[in-house]
Amino acid sequence: MSMGYSVDAIDTISSNPQLRYVIPASGSSLWTDALVIPKTAPNVDAAYEWINYLYQPESGAEVVNKLKFATPNKAALDLVSADLKNDATLFPPEEILANCEGIAPVGDAAELYDKFWTQLTSA
């Protein structure tokens, strides 16, 4: 068993069909990728153009179809291949997502989390 992101799981499973991607019935963490423009970006206008390009339905659908990233863009989702749109690894059903939650900052407990994460991953 290993934790993995859906995009990695899709590629791994396609070459190793004996593997499965599972979200526990008790839930899991939700993930979010975000586009940002650093305040030190050398070309802010180009960055906005890139983001606007990705928000276009055709471009958004192309990202999903080629890279297998999920999208919140409903207009893009209408253009995604049926295989990916119906892939529960990429787009889990609402009843599964209802048990999942976002990752929240841990504030002063960050050192404790780091300690236990290091122990877990160093075993």
PDB file of N, CA and C in Angstrom:
ATOM      1  N   MET A   1       0.846  -1.164   0.000  1.00  0.00           N
ATOM      2  CA  MET A   1       0.000   0.000   0.000  1.00  0.00           C
ATOM      3  C   MET A   1       0.893   1.229   0.000  1.00  0.00           C
ATOM      4  N   SER A   2       0.464   2.222  -0.724  1.00  0.00           N
ATOM      5  CA  SER A   2       1.224   3.460  -0.816  1.00  0.00           C
ATOM      6  C   SER A   2       0.266   4.606  -1.077  1.00  0.00           C
ATOM      7  N   MET A   3       0.574   5.764  -0.538  1.00  0.00           N
ATOM      8  CA  MET A   3      -0.211   6.947  -0.857  1.00  0.00           C
ATOM      9  C   MET A   3       0.258   7.455  -2.208  1.00  0.00           C
ATOM     10  N   GLY A   4      -0.672   7.879  -3.018  1.00  0.00           N
ATOM     11  CA  GLY A   4      -0.303   8.418  -4.318  1.00  0.00           C
ATOM     12  C   GLY A   4      -1.350   9.387  -4.813  1.00  0.00           C
ATOM     13  N   TYR A   5      -0.950  10.216  -5.749  1.00  0.00           N
ATOM     14  CA  TYR A   5      -1.886  11.141  -6.381  1.00  0.00           C
ATOM     15  C   TYR A   5      -2.585  10.429  -7.526  1.00  0.00           C
ATOM     16  N   SER A   6      -3.815  10.828  -7.798  1.00  0.00           N
ATOM     17  CA  SER A   6      -4.598  10.145  -8.819  1.00  0.00           C
ATOM     18  C   SER A   6      -3.906  10.132 -10.173  1.00  0.00           C
ATOM     19  N   VAL A   7      -3.279  11.235 -10.565  1.00  0.00           N
ATOM     20  CA  VAL A   7      -2.627  11.294 -11.869  1.00  0.00           C
ATOM     21  C   VAL A   7      -1.504  10.261 -11.956  1.00  0.00           C
ATOM     22  N   ASP A   8      -0.758  10.079 -10.883  1.00  0.00           N
ATOM     23  CA  ASP A   8       0.297   9.062 -10.871  1.00  0.00           C
ATOM     24  C   ASP A   8      -0.296   7.662 -10.852  1.00  0.00           C
ATOM     25  N   ALA A   9      -1.370   7.500 -10.115  1.00  0.00           N
ATOM     26  CA  ALA A   9      -2.016   6.189 -10.022  1.00  0.00           C
ATOM     27  C   ALA A   9      -2.550   5.739 -11.379  1.00  0.00           C
ATOM     28  N   ILE A  10      -3.139   6.633 -12.130  1.00  0.00           N
ATOM     29  CA  ILE A  10      -3.683   6.284 -13.444  1.00  0.00           C
ATOM     30  C   ILE A  10      -2.573   5.746 -14.342  1.00  0.00           C
ATOM     31  N   ASP A  11      -1.440   6.444 -14.377  1.00  0.00           N
ATOM     32  CA  ASP A  11      -0.322   5.990 -15.212  1.00  0.00           C
ATOM     33  C   ASP A  11       0.259   4.674 -14.711  1.00  0.00           C
ATOM     34  N   THR A  12       0.409   4.536 -13.398  1.00  0.00           N
ATOM     35  CA  THR A  12       0.986   3.320 -12.825  1.00  0.00           C
ATOM     36  C   THR A  12       0.089   2.117 -13.077  1.00  0.00           C
ATOM     37  N   ILE A  13      -1.205   2.294 -12.875  1.00  0.00           N
ATOM     38  CA  ILE A  13      -2.161   1.196 -13.073  1.00  0.00           C
ATOM     39  C   ILE A  13      -2.229   0.793 -14.543  1.00  0.00           C
ATOM     40  N   SER A  14      -2.080   1.765 -15.443  1.00  0.00           N
ATOM     41  CA  SER A  14      -2.153   1.417 -16.870  1.00  0.00           C
ATOM     42  C   SER A  14      -1.024   0.475 -17.277  1.00  0.00           C
ATOM     43  N   SER A  15       0.113   0.544 -16.585  1.00  0.00           N
ATOM     44  CA  SER A  15       1.209  -0.374 -16.909  1.00  0.00           C
ATOM     45  C   SER A  15       1.321  -1.543 -15.921  1.00  0.00           C
ATOM     46  N   ASN A  16       0.512  -1.517 -14.865  1.00  0.00           N
ATOM     47  CA  ASN A  16       0.493  -2.595 -13.862  1.00  0.00           C
ATOM     48  C   ASN A  16      -0.954  -2.870 -13.460  1.00  0.00           C
ATOM     49  N   PRO A  17      -1.724  -3.546 -14.306  1.00  0.00           N
ATOM     50  CA  PRO A  17      -3.157  -3.715 -14.061  1.00  0.00           C
ATOM     51  C   PRO A  17      -3.513  -4.487 -12.791  1.00  0.00           C
ATOM     52  N   GLN A  18      -2.535  -5.124 -12.153  1.00  0.00           N
ATOM     53  CA  GLN A  18      -2.823  -5.822 -10.904  1.00  0.00           C
ATOM     54  C   GLN A  18      -2.959  -4.831  -9.735  1.00  0.00           C
ATOM     55  N   LEU A  19      -2.578  -3.575  -9.959  1.00  0.00           N
ATOM     56  CA  LEU A  19      -2.687  -2.549  -8.912  1.00  0.00           C
ATOM     57  C   LEU A  19      -4.050  -1.882  -8.967  1.00  0.00           C
ATOM     58  N   ARG A  20      -4.450  -1.316  -7.825  1.00  0.00           N
ATOM     59  CA  ARG A  20      -5.715  -0.590  -7.742  1.00  0.00           C
ATOM     60  C   ARG A  20      -5.492   0.725  -7.015  1.00  0.00           C
ATOM     61  N   TYR A  21      -6.322   1.698  -7.332  1.00  0.00           N
ATOM     62  CA  TYR A  21      -6.327   2.983  -6.635  1.00  0.00           C
ATOM     63  C   TYR A  21      -7.577   2.988  -5.763  1.00  0.00           C
ATOM     64  N   VAL A  22      -7.396   3.221  -4.467  1.00  0.00           N
ATOM     65  CA  VAL A  22      -8.518   3.144  -3.534  1.00  0.00           C
ATOM     66  C   VAL A  22      -8.524   4.372  -2.642  1.00  0.00           C
ATOM     67  N   ILE A  23      -9.679   4.954  -2.479  1.00  0.00           N
ATOM     68  CA  ILE A  23      -9.871   5.992  -1.466  1.00  0.00           C
ATOM     69  C   ILE A  23     -10.591   5.300  -0.322  1.00  0.00           C
ATOM     70  N   PRO A  24     -10.031   5.309   0.885  1.00  0.00           N
ATOM     71  CA  PRO A  24     -10.661   4.609   2.007  1.00  0.00           C
ATOM     72  C   PRO A  24     -12.101   5.078   2.233  1.00  0.00           C
ATOM     73  N   ALA A  25     -12.966   4.160   2.647  1.00  0.00           N
ATOM     74  CA  ALA A  25     -14.366   4.508   2.929  1.00  0.00           C
ATOM     75  C   ALA A  25     -14.457   5.591   3.997  1.00  0.00           C
ATOM     76  N   SER A  26     -13.461   5.627   4.892  1.00  0.00           N
ATOM     77  CA  SER A  26     -13.464   6.649   5.954  1.00  0.00           C
ATOM     78  C   SER A  26     -13.052   8.010   5.426  1.00  0.00           C
ATOM     79  N   GLY A  27     -12.555   8.064   4.197  1.00  0.00           N
ATOM     80  CA  GLY A  27     -12.172   9.332   3.590  1.00  0.00           C
ATOM     81  C   GLY A  27     -10.675   9.487   3.470  1.00  0.00           C
ATOM     82  N   SER A  28     -10.286  10.620   2.963  1.00  0.00           N
ATOM     83  CA  SER A  28      -8.881  10.930   2.728  1.00  0.00           C
ATOM     84  C   SER A  28      -8.750  12.441   2.651  1.00  0.00           C
ATOM     85  N   SER A  29      -7.547  12.883   2.395  1.00  0.00           N
ATOM     86  CA  SER A  29      -7.361  14.318   2.199  1.00  0.00           C
ATOM     87  C   SER A  29      -7.722  14.688   0.761  1.00  0.00           C
ATOM     88  N   LEU A  30      -8.245  15.878   0.608  1.00  0.00           N
ATOM     89  CA  LEU A  30      -8.506  16.409  -0.729  1.00  0.00           C
ATOM     90  C   LEU A  30      -7.308  17.235  -1.148  1.00  0.00           C
ATOM     91  N   TRP A  31      -7.030  17.261  -2.396  1.00  0.00           N
ATOM     92  CA  TRP A  31      -5.882  17.976  -2.901  1.00  0.00           C
ATOM     93  C   TRP A  31      -6.367  19.066  -3.844  1.00  0.00           C
ATOM     94  N   THR A  32      -5.575  20.078  -3.983  1.00  0.00           N
ATOM     95  CA  THR A  32      -5.886  21.178  -4.886  1.00  0.00           C
ATOM     96  C   THR A  32      -4.595  21.676  -5.507  1.00  0.00           C
ATOM     97  N   ASP A  33      -4.576  21.750  -6.796  1.00  0.00           N
ATOM     98  CA  ASP A  33      -3.467  22.401  -7.489  1.00  0.00           C
ATOM     99  C   ASP A  33      -3.920  23.826  -7.768  1.00  0.00           C
ATOM    100  N   ALA A  34      -3.015  24.756  -7.695  1.00  0.00           N
ATOM    101  CA  ALA A  34      -3.367  26.153  -7.895  1.00  0.00           C
ATOM    102  C   ALA A  34      -2.370  26.829  -8.817  1.00  0.00           C
ATOM    103  N   LEU A  35      -2.851  27.794  -9.552  1.00  0.00           N
ATOM    104  CA  LEU A  35      -1.985  28.632 -10.370  1.00  0.00           C
ATOM    105  C   LEU A  35      -1.827  29.964  -9.649  1.00  0.00           C
ATOM    106  N   VAL A  36      -0.596  30.380  -9.491  1.00  0.00           N
ATOM    107  CA  VAL A  36      -0.321  31.656  -8.833  1.00  0.00           C
ATOM    108  C   VAL A  36       0.716  32.413  -9.642  1.00  0.00           C
ATOM    109  N   ILE A  37       0.764  33.697  -9.406  1.00  0.00           N
ATOM    110  CA  ILE A  37       1.773  34.533 -10.035  1.00  0.00           C
ATOM    111  C   ILE A  37       2.610  35.137  -8.915  1.00  0.00           C
ATOM    112  N   PRO A  38       3.869  34.722  -8.802  1.00  0.00           N
ATOM    113  CA  PRO A  38       4.721  35.293  -7.746  1.00  0.00           C
ATOM    114  C   PRO A  38       4.867  36.807  -7.929  1.00  0.00           C
ATOM    115  N   LYS A  39       5.003  37.510  -6.843  1.00  0.00           N
ATOM    116  CA  LYS A  39       5.125  38.968  -6.947  1.00  0.00           C
ATOM    117  C   LYS A  39       6.404  39.377  -7.660  1.00  0.00           C
ATOM    118  N   THR A  40       7.366  38.478  -7.760  1.00  0.00           N
ATOM    119  CA  THR A  40       8.613  38.776  -8.470  1.00  0.00           C
ATOM    120  C   THR A  40       8.608  38.264  -9.908  1.00  0.00           C
ATOM    121  N   ALA A  41       7.447  37.834 -10.407  1.00  0.00           N
ATOM    122  CA  ALA A  41       7.370  37.304 -11.770  1.00  0.00           C
ATOM    123  C   ALA A  41       7.845  38.361 -12.773  1.00  0.00           C
ATOM    124  N   PRO A  42       8.695  37.968 -13.720  1.00  0.00           N
ATOM    125  CA  PRO A  42       9.234  38.946 -14.670  1.00  0.00           C
ATOM    126  C   PRO A  42       8.224  39.397 -15.732  1.00  0.00           C
ATOM    127  N   ASN A  43       7.170  38.594 -15.966  1.00  0.00           N
ATOM    128  CA  ASN A  43       6.210  38.948 -17.006  1.00  0.00           C
ATOM    129  C   ASN A  43       4.802  38.589 -16.535  1.00  0.00           C
ATOM    130  N   VAL A  44       4.241  39.463 -15.730  1.00  0.00           N
ATOM    131  CA  VAL A  44       2.919  39.226 -15.141  1.00  0.00           C
ATOM    132  C   VAL A  44       1.844  39.117 -16.217  1.00  0.00           C
ATOM    133  N   ASP A  45       1.930  39.958 -17.239  1.00  0.00           N
ATOM    134  CA  ASP A  45       0.917  39.906 -18.298  1.00  0.00           C
ATOM    135  C   ASP A  45       0.902  38.549 -18.991  1.00  0.00           C
ATOM    136  N   ALA A  46       2.072  37.990 -19.253  1.00  0.00           N
ATOM    137  CA  ALA A  46       2.144  36.663 -19.881  1.00  0.00           C
ATOM    138  C   ALA A  46       1.589  35.596 -18.947  1.00  0.00           C
ATOM    139  N   ALA A  47       1.838  35.747 -17.660  1.00  0.00           N
ATOM    140  CA  ALA A  47       1.312  34.784 -16.694  1.00  0.00           C
ATOM    141  C   ALA A  47      -0.220  34.813 -16.704  1.00  0.00           C
ATOM    142  N   TYR A  48      -0.803  36.005 -16.736  1.00  0.00           N
ATOM    143  CA  TYR A  48      -2.269  36.106 -16.814  1.00  0.00           C
ATOM    144  C   TYR A  48      -2.795  35.515 -18.115  1.00  0.00           C
ATOM    145  N   GLU A  49      -2.086  35.737 -19.204  1.00  0.00           N
ATOM    146  CA  GLU A  49      -2.500  35.161 -20.484  1.00  0.00           C
ATOM    147  C   GLU A  49      -2.492  33.635 -20.425  1.00  0.00           C
ATOM    148  N   TRP A  50      -1.457  33.060 -19.795  1.00  0.00           N
ATOM    149  CA  TRP A  50      -1.359  31.603 -19.666  1.00  0.00           C
ATOM    150  C   TRP A  50      -2.521  31.059 -18.833  1.00  0.00           C
ATOM    151  N   ILE A  51      -2.782  31.707 -17.715  1.00  0.00           N
ATOM    152  CA  ILE A  51      -3.885  31.265 -16.855  1.00  0.00           C
ATOM    153  C   ILE A  51      -5.211  31.379 -17.603  1.00  0.00           C
ATOM    154  N   ASN A  52      -5.429  32.489 -18.284  1.00  0.00           N
ATOM    155  CA  ASN A  52      -6.669  32.660 -19.057  1.00  0.00           C
ATOM    156  C   ASN A  52      -6.791  31.605 -20.147  1.00  0.00           C
ATOM    157  N   TYR A  53      -5.671  31.265 -20.772  1.00  0.00           N
ATOM    158  CA  TYR A  53      -5.666  30.216 -21.798  1.00  0.00           C
ATOM    159  C   TYR A  53      -6.104  28.883 -21.192  1.00  0.00           C
ATOM    160  N   LEU A  54      -5.566  28.547 -20.031  1.00  0.00           N
ATOM    161  CA  LEU A  54      -5.916  27.272 -19.390  1.00  0.00           C
ATOM    162  C   LEU A  54      -7.368  27.227 -18.940  1.00  0.00           C
ATOM    163  N   TYR A  55      -7.968  28.389 -18.681  1.00  0.00           N
ATOM    164  CA  TYR A  55      -9.375  28.432 -18.263  1.00  0.00           C
ATOM    165  C   TYR A  55     -10.343  28.233 -19.426  1.00  0.00           C
ATOM    166  N   GLN A  56      -9.870  28.361 -20.648  1.00  0.00           N
ATOM    167  CA  GLN A  56     -10.742  28.144 -21.793  1.00  0.00           C
ATOM    168  C   GLN A  56     -11.127  26.666 -21.841  1.00  0.00           C
ATOM    169  N   PRO A  57     -12.389  26.365 -22.106  1.00  0.00           N
ATOM    170  CA  PRO A  57     -12.842  24.962 -22.072  1.00  0.00           C
ATOM    171  C   PRO A  57     -11.998  24.010 -22.918  1.00  0.00           C
ATOM    172  N   GLU A  58     -11.654  24.400 -24.131  1.00  0.00           N
ATOM    173  CA  GLU A  58     -10.887  23.514 -25.011  1.00  0.00           C
ATOM    174  C   GLU A  58      -9.496  23.242 -24.423  1.00  0.00           C
ATOM    175  N   SER A  59      -8.853  24.274 -23.909  1.00  0.00           N
ATOM    176  CA  SER A  59      -7.522  24.113 -23.324  1.00  0.00           C
ATOM    177  C   SER A  59      -7.588  23.284 -22.049  1.00  0.00           C
ATOM    178  N   GLY A  60      -8.576  23.566 -21.216  1.00  0.00           N
ATOM    179  CA  GLY A  60      -8.736  22.807 -19.977  1.00  0.00           C
ATOM    180  C   GLY A  60      -8.975  21.334 -20.240  1.00  0.00           C
ATOM    181  N   ALA A  61      -9.792  21.044 -21.243  1.00  0.00           N
ATOM    182  CA  ALA A  61     -10.066  19.648 -21.599  1.00  0.00           C
ATOM    183  C   ALA A  61      -8.813  18.968 -22.134  1.00  0.00           C
ATOM    184  N   GLU A  62      -8.014  19.706 -22.891  1.00  0.00           N
ATOM    185  CA  GLU A  62      -6.778  19.129 -23.422  1.00  0.00           C
ATOM    186  C   GLU A  62      -5.823  18.740 -22.292  1.00  0.00           C
ATOM    187  N   VAL A  63      -5.749  19.562 -21.247  1.00  0.00           N
ATOM    188  CA  VAL A  63      -4.906  19.243 -20.095  1.00  0.00           C
ATOM    189  C   VAL A  63      -5.387  17.951 -19.438  1.00  0.00           C
ATOM    190  N   VAL A  64      -6.695  17.809 -19.257  1.00  0.00           N
ATOM    191  CA  VAL A  64      -7.236  16.593 -18.647  1.00  0.00           C
ATOM    192  C   VAL A  64      -6.954  15.386 -19.537  1.00  0.00           C
ATOM    193  N   ASN A  65      -7.236  15.511 -20.816  1.00  0.00           N
ATOM    194  CA  ASN A  65      -7.069  14.388 -21.736  1.00  0.00           C
ATOM    195  C   ASN A  65      -5.613  13.951 -21.882  1.00  0.00           C
ATOM    196  N   LYS A  66      -4.676  14.889 -21.888  1.00  0.00           N
ATOM    197  CA  LYS A  66      -3.270  14.541 -22.089  1.00  0.00           C
ATOM    198  C   LYS A  66      -2.541  14.228 -20.790  1.00  0.00           C
ATOM    199  N   LEU A  67      -2.774  15.038 -19.760  1.00  0.00           N
ATOM    200  CA  LEU A  67      -2.012  14.891 -18.519  1.00  0.00           C
ATOM    201  C   LEU A  67      -2.761  14.130 -17.430  1.00  0.00           C
ATOM    202  N   LYS A  68      -4.052  13.938 -17.639  1.00  0.00           N
ATOM    203  CA  LYS A  68      -4.905  13.226 -16.682  1.00  0.00           C
ATOM    204  C   LYS A  68      -4.987  13.944 -15.332  1.00  0.00           C
ATOM    205  N   PHE A  69      -5.059  15.269 -15.392  1.00  0.00           N
ATOM    206  CA  PHE A  69      -5.314  16.088 -14.208  1.00  0.00           C
ATOM    207  C   PHE A  69      -6.809  16.339 -14.142  1.00  0.00           C
ATOM    208  N   ALA A  70      -7.371  16.328 -12.955  1.00  0.00           N
ATOM    209  CA  ALA A  70      -8.789  16.661 -12.794  1.00  0.00           C
ATOM    210  C   ALA A  70      -8.983  18.154 -13.050  1.00  0.00           C
ATOM    211  N   THR A  71     -10.193  18.541 -13.322  1.00  0.00           N
ATOM    212  CA  THR A  71     -10.504  19.952 -13.543  1.00  0.00           C
ATOM    213  C   THR A  71     -11.817  20.309 -12.855  1.00  0.00           C
ATOM    214  N   PRO A  72     -11.892  21.504 -12.283  1.00  0.00           N
ATOM    215  CA  PRO A  72     -13.163  21.980 -11.742  1.00  0.00           C
ATOM    216  C   PRO A  72     -13.963  22.735 -12.801  1.00  0.00           C
ATOM    217  N   ASN A  73     -13.392  22.890 -14.001  1.00  0.00           N
ATOM    218  CA  ASN A  73     -14.000  23.663 -15.074  1.00  0.00           C
ATOM    219  C   ASN A  73     -15.082  22.820 -15.750  1.00  0.00           C
ATOM    220  N   LYS A  74     -16.342  23.120 -15.437  1.00  0.00           N
ATOM    221  CA  LYS A  74     -17.468  22.315 -15.951  1.00  0.00           C
ATOM    222  C   LYS A  74     -17.531  22.344 -17.477  1.00  0.00           C
ATOM    223  N   ALA A  75     -17.241  23.499 -18.075  1.00  0.00           N
ATOM    224  CA  ALA A  75     -17.271  23.587 -19.536  1.00  0.00           C
ATOM    225  C   ALA A  75     -16.171  22.721 -20.142  1.00  0.00           C
ATOM    226  N   ALA A  76     -15.007  22.672 -19.519  1.00  0.00           N
ATOM    227  CA  ALA A  76     -13.925  21.805 -20.002  1.00  0.00           C
ATOM    228  C   ALA A  76     -14.297  20.342 -19.806  1.00  0.00           C
ATOM    229  N   LEU A  77     -14.921  20.032 -18.699  1.00  0.00           N
ATOM    230  CA  LEU A  77     -15.291  18.647 -18.403  1.00  0.00           C
ATOM    231  C   LEU A  77     -16.218  18.075 -19.472  1.00  0.00           C
ATOM    232  N   ASP A  78     -17.066  18.918 -20.041  1.00  0.00           N
ATOM    233  CA  ASP A  78     -17.957  18.470 -21.115  1.00  0.00           C
ATOM    234  C   ASP A  78     -17.182  17.992 -22.339  1.00  0.00           C
ATOM    235  N   LEU A  79     -15.924  18.444 -22.477  1.00  0.00           N
ATOM    236  CA  LEU A  79     -15.106  18.105 -23.641  1.00  0.00           C
ATOM    237  C   LEU A  79     -14.084  16.995 -23.372  1.00  0.00           C
ATOM    238  N   VAL A  80     -14.056  16.495 -22.155  1.00  0.00           N
ATOM    239  CA  VAL A  80     -13.106  15.452 -21.766  1.00  0.00           C
ATOM    240  C   VAL A  80     -13.581  14.101 -22.293  1.00  0.00           C
ATOM    241  N   SER A  81     -12.634  13.241 -22.623  1.00  0.00           N
ATOM    242  CA  SER A  81     -12.992  11.912 -23.121  1.00  0.00           C
ATOM    243  C   SER A  81     -13.871  11.188 -22.098  1.00  0.00           C
ATOM    244  N   ALA A  82     -14.785  10.381 -22.593  1.00  0.00           N
ATOM    245  CA  ALA A  82     -15.710   9.649 -21.715  1.00  0.00           C
ATOM    246  C   ALA A  82     -14.950   8.726 -20.769  1.00  0.00           C
ATOM    247  N   ASP A  83     -13.876   8.105 -21.256  1.00  0.00           N
ATOM    248  CA  ASP A  83     -13.097   7.204 -20.391  1.00  0.00           C
ATOM    249  C   ASP A  83     -12.572   7.933 -19.164  1.00  0.00           C
ATOM    250  N   LEU A  84     -12.002   9.113 -19.357  1.00  0.00           N
ATOM    251  CA  LEU A  84     -11.463   9.858 -18.220  1.00  0.00           C
ATOM    252  C   LEU A  84     -12.574  10.458 -17.364  1.00  0.00           C
ATOM    253  N   LYS A  85     -13.605  10.968 -18.003  1.00  0.00           N
ATOM    254  CA  LYS A  85     -14.711  11.578 -17.258  1.00  0.00           C
ATOM    255  C   LYS A  85     -15.355  10.566 -16.316  1.00  0.00           C
ATOM    256  N   ASN A  86     -15.357   9.296 -16.716  1.00  0.00           N
ATOM    257  CA  ASN A  86     -15.974   8.246 -15.919  1.00  0.00           C
ATOM    258  C   ASN A  86     -14.971   7.472 -15.062  1.00  0.00           C
ATOM    259  N   ASP A  87     -13.733   7.923 -15.023  1.00  0.00           N
ATOM    260  CA  ASP A  87     -12.695   7.260 -14.236  1.00  0.00           C
ATOM    261  C   ASP A  87     -12.781   7.745 -12.787  1.00  0.00           C
ATOM    262  N   ALA A  88     -13.206   6.873 -11.895  1.00  0.00           N
ATOM    263  CA  ALA A  88     -13.370   7.235 -10.476  1.00  0.00           C
ATOM    264  C   ALA A  88     -12.045   7.526  -9.792  1.00  0.00           C
ATOM    265  N   THR A  89     -10.936   7.112 -10.412  1.00  0.00           N
ATOM    266  CA  THR A  89      -9.629   7.462  -9.874  1.00  0.00           C
ATOM    267  C   THR A  89      -9.397   8.960 -10.022  1.00  0.00           C
ATOM    268  N   LEU A  90      -9.814   9.511 -11.131  1.00  0.00           N
ATOM    269  CA  LEU A  90      -9.629  10.930 -11.408  1.00  0.00           C
ATOM    270  C   LEU A  90     -10.786  11.775 -10.891  1.00  0.00           C
ATOM    271  N   PHE A  91     -11.988  11.283 -11.038  1.00  0.00           N
ATOM    272  CA  PHE A  91     -13.179  11.999 -10.591  1.00  0.00           C
ATOM    273  C   PHE A  91     -13.999  11.086  -9.666  1.00  0.00           C
ATOM    274  N   PRO A  92     -13.611  11.003  -8.380  1.00  0.00           N
ATOM    275  CA  PRO A  92     -14.336  10.123  -7.455  1.00  0.00           C
ATOM    276  C   PRO A  92     -15.795  10.549  -7.310  1.00  0.00           C
ATOM    277  N   PRO A  93     -16.684   9.584  -7.062  1.00  0.00           N
ATOM    278  CA  PRO A  93     -18.102   9.915  -6.881  1.00  0.00           C
ATOM    279  C   PRO A  93     -18.319  10.780  -5.634  1.00  0.00           C
ATOM    280  N   GLU A  94     -19.387  11.529  -5.652  1.00  0.00           N
ATOM    281  CA  GLU A  94     -19.711  12.446  -4.550  1.00  0.00           C
ATOM    282  C   GLU A  94     -19.798  11.732  -3.200  1.00  0.00           C
ATOM    283  N   GLU A  95     -20.324  10.502  -3.181  1.00  0.00           N
ATOM    284  CA  GLU A  95     -20.455   9.801  -1.893  1.00  0.00           C
ATOM    285  C   GLU A  95     -19.088   9.494  -1.272  1.00  0.00           C
ATOM    286  N   ILE A  96     -18.073   9.326  -2.082  1.00  0.00           N
ATOM    287  CA  ILE A  96     -16.718   9.132  -1.560  1.00  0.00           C
ATOM    288  C   ILE A  96     -16.130  10.475  -1.139  1.00  0.00           C
ATOM    289  N   LEU A  97     -16.301  11.496  -1.975  1.00  0.00           N
ATOM    290  CA  LEU A  97     -15.767  12.821  -1.657  1.00  0.00           C
ATOM    291  C   LEU A  97     -16.394  13.406  -0.391  1.00  0.00           C
ATOM    292  N   ALA A  98     -17.616  13.009  -0.085  1.00  0.00           N
ATOM    293  CA  ALA A  98     -18.288  13.532   1.111  1.00  0.00           C
ATOM    294  C   ALA A  98     -17.534  13.184   2.387  1.00  0.00           C
ATOM    295  N   ASN A  99     -16.762  12.106   2.370  1.00  0.00           N
ATOM    296  CA  ASN A  99     -15.988  11.698   3.553  1.00  0.00           C
ATOM    297  C   ASN A  99     -14.567  12.251   3.558  1.00  0.00           C
ATOM    298  N   CYS A 100     -14.218  13.013   2.555  1.00  0.00           N
ATOM    299  CA  CYS A 100     -12.863  13.557   2.449  1.00  0.00           C
ATOM    300  C   CYS A 100     -12.850  15.005   2.937  1.00  0.00           C
ATOM    301  N   GLU A 101     -11.673  15.484   3.266  1.00  0.00           N
ATOM    302  CA  GLU A 101     -11.574  16.864   3.739  1.00  0.00           C
ATOM    303  C   GLU A 101     -10.267  17.492   3.275  1.00  0.00           C
ATOM    304  N   GLY A 102     -10.291  18.807   3.207  1.00  0.00           N
ATOM    305  CA  GLY A 102      -9.106  19.548   2.806  1.00  0.00           C
ATOM    306  C   GLY A 102      -8.045  19.518   3.884  1.00  0.00           C
ATOM    307  N   ILE A 103      -6.826  19.745   3.471  1.00  0.00           N
ATOM    308  CA  ILE A 103      -5.713  19.795   4.410  1.00  0.00           C
ATOM    309  C   ILE A 103      -5.636  21.218   4.954  1.00  0.00           C
ATOM    310  N   ALA A 104      -5.668  21.341   6.262  1.00  0.00           N
ATOM    311  CA  ALA A 104      -5.648  22.648   6.902  1.00  0.00           C
ATOM    312  C   ALA A 104      -4.280  22.913   7.517  1.00  0.00           C
ATOM    313  N   PRO A 105      -3.873  24.177   7.562  1.00  0.00           N
ATOM    314  CA  PRO A 105      -2.613  24.495   8.237  1.00  0.00           C
ATOM    315  C   PRO A 105      -2.667  24.035   9.697  1.00  0.00           C
ATOM    316  N   VAL A 106      -1.561  23.534  10.199  1.00  0.00           N
ATOM    317  CA  VAL A 106      -1.537  23.015  11.572  1.00  0.00           C
ATOM    318  C   VAL A 106      -0.949  24.003  12.573  1.00  0.00           C
ATOM    319  N   GLY A 107      -0.526  25.153  12.082  1.00  0.00           N
ATOM    320  CA  GLY A 107      -0.045  26.204  12.974  1.00  0.00           C
ATOM    321  C   GLY A 107       1.105  25.775  13.856  1.00  0.00           C
ATOM    322  N   ASP A 108       0.944  25.963  15.172  1.00  0.00           N
ATOM    323  CA  ASP A 108       2.006  25.664  16.128  1.00  0.00           C
ATOM    324  C   ASP A 108       2.348  24.180  16.214  1.00  0.00           C
ATOM    325  N   ALA A 109       1.492  23.325  15.684  1.00  0.00           N
ATOM    326  CA  ALA A 109       1.751  21.884  15.748  1.00  0.00           C
ATOM    327  C   ALA A 109       2.620  21.396  14.588  1.00  0.00           C
ATOM    328  N   ALA A 110       3.095  22.307  13.730  1.00  0.00           N
ATOM    329  CA  ALA A 110       3.884  21.907  12.559  1.00  0.00           C
ATOM    330  C   ALA A 110       5.119  21.103  12.947  1.00  0.00           C
ATOM    331  N   GLU A 111       5.790  21.485  14.017  1.00  0.00           N
ATOM    332  CA  GLU A 111       6.991  20.764  14.446  1.00  0.00           C
ATOM    333  C   GLU A 111       6.649  19.329  14.850  1.00  0.00           C
ATOM    334  N   LEU A 112       5.532  19.155  15.549  1.00  0.00           N
ATOM    335  CA  LEU A 112       5.093  17.822  15.965  1.00  0.00           C
ATOM    336  C   LEU A 112       4.731  16.974  14.739  1.00  0.00           C
ATOM    337  N   TYR A 113       4.006  17.553  13.794  1.00  0.00           N
ATOM    338  CA  TYR A 113       3.657  16.839  12.566  1.00  0.00           C
ATOM    339  C   TYR A 113       4.924  16.432  11.826  1.00  0.00           C
ATOM    340  N   ASP A 114       5.882  17.347  11.724  1.00  0.00           N
ATOM    341  CA  ASP A 114       7.136  17.057  11.043  1.00  0.00           C
ATOM    342  C   ASP A 114       7.871  15.908  11.718  1.00  0.00           C
ATOM    343  N   LYS A 115       7.882  15.913  13.037  1.00  0.00           N
ATOM    344  CA  LYS A 115       8.558  14.850  13.789  1.00  0.00           C
ATOM    345  C   LYS A 115       7.950  13.490  13.464  1.00  0.00           C
ATOM    346  N   PHE A 116       6.617  13.389  13.535  1.00  0.00           N
ATOM    347  CA  PHE A 116       5.959  12.110  13.271  1.00  0.00           C
ATOM    348  C   PHE A 116       6.036  11.723  11.791  1.00  0.00           C
ATOM    349  N   TRP A 117       5.968  12.696  10.894  1.00  0.00           N
ATOM    350  CA  TRP A 117       6.091  12.391   9.474  1.00  0.00           C
ATOM    351  C   TRP A 117       7.483  11.835   9.173  1.00  0.00           C
ATOM    352  N   THR A 118       8.503  12.425   9.779  1.00  0.00           N
ATOM    353  CA  THR A 118       9.864  11.958   9.591  1.00  0.00           C
ATOM    354  C   THR A 118      10.017  10.534  10.143  1.00  0.00           C
ATOM    355  N   GLN A 119       9.434  10.268  11.302  1.00  0.00           N
ATOM    356  CA  GLN A 119       9.496   8.906  11.852  1.00  0.00           C
ATOM    357  C   GLN A 119       8.787   7.916  10.940  1.00  0.00           C
ATOM    358  N   LEU A 120       7.637   8.296  10.439  1.00  0.00           N
ATOM    359  CA  LEU A 120       6.864   7.408   9.575  1.00  0.00           C
ATOM    360  C   LEU A 120       7.603   7.105   8.287  1.00  0.00           C
ATOM    361  N   THR A 121       8.158   8.122   7.669  1.00  0.00           N
ATOM    362  CA  THR A 121       8.800   7.920   6.370  1.00  0.00           C
ATOM    363  C   THR A 121      10.232   7.405   6.485  1.00  0.00           C
ATOM    364  N   SER A 122      10.763   7.357   7.671  1.00  0.00           N
ATOM    365  CA  SER A 122      12.137   6.868   7.868  1.00  0.00           C
ATOM    366  C   SER A 122      12.180   5.432   8.382  1.00  0.00           C
ATOM    367  N   ALA A 123      11.034   4.849   8.605  1.00  0.00           N
ATOM    368  CA  ALA A 123      10.979   3.490   9.180  1.00  0.00           C
ATOM    369  C   ALA A 123      11.469   2.445   8.197  1.00  0.00           C
TER     370      ALA A 123
END
